[in-house]
Amino acid sequence: MSVVKQSANAVRLDPRRVEQLKNIALKLGTTNAGVIAQTIRQHVAAGTIPADIPGIGVRKVPGGITIGIDDAEPVKLGYEIARQIASSLRAAADNGASDIQPFAEVGYGVMKQGTGIKFLLPFSGTGARSYKNAVSFPPDLAADLAGVIEKAAQ
C-alpha cells in the first residue's frame, strides 16, 4: 500500500472550467470539492473504479478484517468492532459528532475536528499516534471509508 502525499492533491484547471465547476456546485448546493466527490462516487457506483481508498487498506481475513493506514502495520479487528468503527465514522460524517470515540481494545479513535474527521490507528500501544498526527478525512471520504469497512465486515 502506498502513502498518499499531501503535495499530490493539486489539480490545475483552466479558469473557464473553474467557473463551470463553481456553477455546478452552486446548482447542487455543495462545494467544488463536493462536486468532485460526487463524480468519484458516481464512478465507483458505475464500476469504473473500485471503492478502495488510496492509502487505506481494508481487507477481509478469517474471523474479521484488517485496516491499515498509509505505511502503518494493519490491525486485525473482529467483525463487531469493525462495524462499530464504521458506525462512528459515519456518525461523525453525517452528524458532525465531536466526541472522541476511542476503542481501547484495538487502539482506534474517531473524532470530528474542524471540518475533518480524525481517525487514529492506533492511539495507544506500539506505533501510537496522537490526534495531532492522526489521519484526517473530509466527511464524505470518512463516510466512504465507513462503507468500505462495512462491506468488508459483512
Protein backbone atom coordinates (compact mmCIF):
# COMPACT_ATOMS: atom_id res chain seq x y z
CA MET A 1 0.00 0.00 0.00
CA SER A 2 1.38 3.43 -0.86
CA VAL A 3 1.42 6.51 1.33
CA VAL A 4 -0.67 9.35 -0.07
CA LYS A 5 1.31 12.58 -0.04
CA GLN A 6 -0.36 15.94 0.58
CA SER A 7 1.55 17.58 -2.28
CA ALA A 8 -0.19 15.26 -4.75
CA ASN A 9 -3.54 16.99 -4.32
CA ALA A 10 -3.17 19.99 -6.64
CA VAL A 11 -5.41 19.95 -9.69
CA ARG A 12 -4.97 22.69 -12.26
CA LEU A 13 -7.97 23.69 -14.31
CA ASP A 14 -8.48 26.30 -16.95
CA PRO A 15 -10.25 29.29 -15.33
CA ARG A 16 -13.29 28.61 -17.56
CA ARG A 17 -13.53 25.09 -16.15
CA VAL A 18 -13.24 26.50 -12.64
CA GLU A 19 -16.22 28.76 -13.35
CA GLN A 20 -18.17 25.77 -14.67
CA LEU A 21 -17.25 23.81 -11.56
CA LYS A 22 -18.43 26.69 -9.34
CA ASN A 23 -21.72 26.85 -11.25
CA ILE A 24 -22.29 23.11 -10.82
CA ALA A 25 -21.51 23.41 -7.09
CA LEU A 26 -23.95 26.31 -6.76
CA LYS A 27 -26.73 24.38 -8.52
CA LEU A 28 -26.09 21.26 -6.42
CA GLY A 29 -25.75 23.17 -3.15
CA THR A 30 -22.25 21.91 -2.45
CA THR A 31 -18.62 22.96 -2.80
CA ASN A 32 -16.18 22.44 -5.66
CA ALA A 33 -14.70 19.54 -3.70
CA GLY A 34 -18.24 18.23 -3.18
CA VAL A 35 -18.82 18.15 -6.95
CA ILE A 36 -15.63 16.18 -7.44
CA ALA A 37 -16.55 13.80 -4.60
CA GLN A 38 -19.98 13.20 -6.17
CA THR A 39 -18.34 12.47 -9.51
CA ILE A 40 -15.96 9.99 -7.89
CA ARG A 41 -18.86 8.30 -6.09
CA GLN A 42 -20.75 8.02 -9.39
CA HIS A 43 -17.76 6.30 -10.98
CA VAL A 44 -17.43 3.93 -8.01
CA ALA A 45 -21.15 3.09 -8.30
CA ALA A 46 -20.77 2.52 -12.06
CA GLY A 47 -17.80 0.21 -11.52
CA THR A 48 -15.34 2.48 -13.33
CA ILE A 49 -13.05 2.43 -10.29
CA PRO A 50 -13.08 0.32 -7.13
CA ALA A 51 -14.41 1.70 -3.83
CA ASP A 52 -10.93 1.29 -2.31
CA ILE A 53 -9.49 4.49 -0.86
CA PRO A 54 -5.84 5.21 -1.73
CA GLY A 55 -3.58 4.83 1.29
CA ILE A 56 -6.16 2.82 3.26
CA GLY A 57 -6.00 -0.95 3.22
CA VAL A 58 -9.19 -2.73 4.31
CA ARG A 59 -9.09 -6.49 3.85
CA LYS A 60 -11.36 -9.34 4.86
CA VAL A 61 -9.45 -12.03 6.77
CA PRO A 62 -10.59 -15.15 8.63
CA GLY A 63 -12.64 -14.01 11.63
CA GLY A 64 -12.63 -10.30 10.80
CA ILE A 65 -10.92 -7.60 8.79
CA THR A 66 -7.65 -5.69 8.81
CA ILE A 67 -7.31 -1.93 8.44
CA GLY A 68 -4.01 -0.26 7.64
CA ILE A 69 -3.46 3.44 7.07
CA ASP A 70 -0.57 4.55 4.87
CA ASP A 71 2.52 2.59 5.89
CA ALA A 72 1.25 1.57 9.35
CA GLU A 73 1.02 -2.11 10.22
CA PRO A 74 -2.55 -3.30 9.54
CA VAL A 75 -4.58 -4.05 12.66
CA LYS A 76 -6.89 -7.06 12.80
CA LEU A 77 -10.41 -6.39 14.05
CA GLY A 78 -13.35 -8.63 14.76
CA TYR A 79 -16.49 -8.01 12.73
CA GLU A 80 -18.37 -6.31 15.58
CA ILE A 81 -15.66 -3.76 16.43
CA ALA A 82 -15.20 -3.08 12.71
CA ARG A 83 -18.91 -2.29 12.42
CA GLN A 84 -18.67 -0.02 15.49
CA ILE A 85 -15.78 1.88 13.93
CA ALA A 86 -17.71 2.23 10.67
CA SER A 87 -20.73 3.48 12.62
CA SER A 88 -18.59 6.07 14.43
CA LEU A 89 -17.04 7.26 11.17
CA ARG A 90 -20.50 7.59 9.62
CA ALA A 91 -21.91 9.40 12.68
CA ALA A 92 -19.04 11.89 12.64
CA ALA A 93 -19.51 12.42 8.89
CA ASP A 94 -23.30 12.71 9.00
CA ASN A 95 -23.94 14.43 12.32
CA GLY A 96 -20.75 16.34 12.95
CA ALA A 97 -20.37 14.50 16.25
CA SER A 98 -17.38 15.92 18.08
CA ASP A 99 -16.98 13.33 20.83
CA ILE A 100 -13.86 11.24 20.90
CA GLN A 101 -14.93 7.67 20.40
CA PRO A 102 -11.93 5.55 21.37
CA PHE A 103 -11.95 1.82 21.02
CA ALA A 104 -9.50 0.82 23.75
CA GLU A 105 -9.47 -2.87 22.93
CA VAL A 106 -7.97 -2.25 19.48
CA GLY A 107 -6.46 1.20 19.84
CA TYR A 108 -8.57 3.16 17.37
CA GLY A 109 -10.29 6.50 17.77
CA VAL A 110 -12.69 8.66 15.72
CA MET A 111 -13.17 12.37 16.34
CA LYS A 112 -14.69 15.30 14.45
CA GLN A 113 -12.24 18.18 14.46
CA GLY A 114 -12.80 21.35 12.48
CA THR A 115 -14.04 20.39 9.03
CA GLY A 116 -12.38 16.99 9.12
CA ILE A 117 -12.70 13.67 10.87
CA LYS A 118 -9.65 12.30 12.64
CA PHE A 119 -9.19 8.53 12.52
CA LEU A 120 -6.43 7.11 14.69
CA LEU A 121 -4.58 3.91 14.05
CA PRO A 122 -3.57 3.15 16.80
CA PHE A 123 -3.98 5.69 19.62
CA SER A 124 -2.29 3.55 22.25
CA GLY A 125 0.47 1.00 22.41
CA THR A 126 3.24 0.36 19.88
CA GLY A 127 3.23 2.83 16.99
CA ALA A 128 0.66 5.04 18.72
CA ARG A 129 -0.42 8.21 17.02
CA SER A 130 -1.83 11.26 18.73
CA TYR A 131 -4.74 13.31 17.47
CA LYS A 132 -2.14 15.82 16.28
CA ASN A 133 -0.70 13.40 13.71
CA ALA A 134 -3.80 11.31 13.04
CA VAL A 135 -5.08 10.95 9.50
CA SER A 136 -7.84 13.47 8.77
CA PHE A 137 -10.62 12.86 6.25
CA PRO A 138 -13.26 15.18 4.84
CA PRO A 139 -16.74 13.99 5.92
CA ASP A 140 -17.65 12.50 2.53
CA LEU A 141 -14.45 10.42 2.42
CA ALA A 142 -14.97 9.28 6.03
CA ALA A 143 -18.46 8.10 5.02
CA ASP A 144 -16.95 6.27 2.04
CA LEU A 145 -14.40 4.62 4.34
CA ALA A 146 -17.25 3.55 6.62
CA GLY A 147 -18.88 1.89 3.61
CA VAL A 148 -15.68 0.06 2.68
CA ILE A 149 -15.30 -1.18 6.27
CA GLU A 150 -18.96 -2.25 6.45
CA LYS A 151 -18.67 -4.18 3.21
CA ALA A 152 -15.55 -5.99 4.40
CA ALA A 153 -17.20 -6.76 7.76
CA GLN A 154 -20.24 -8.50 6.22
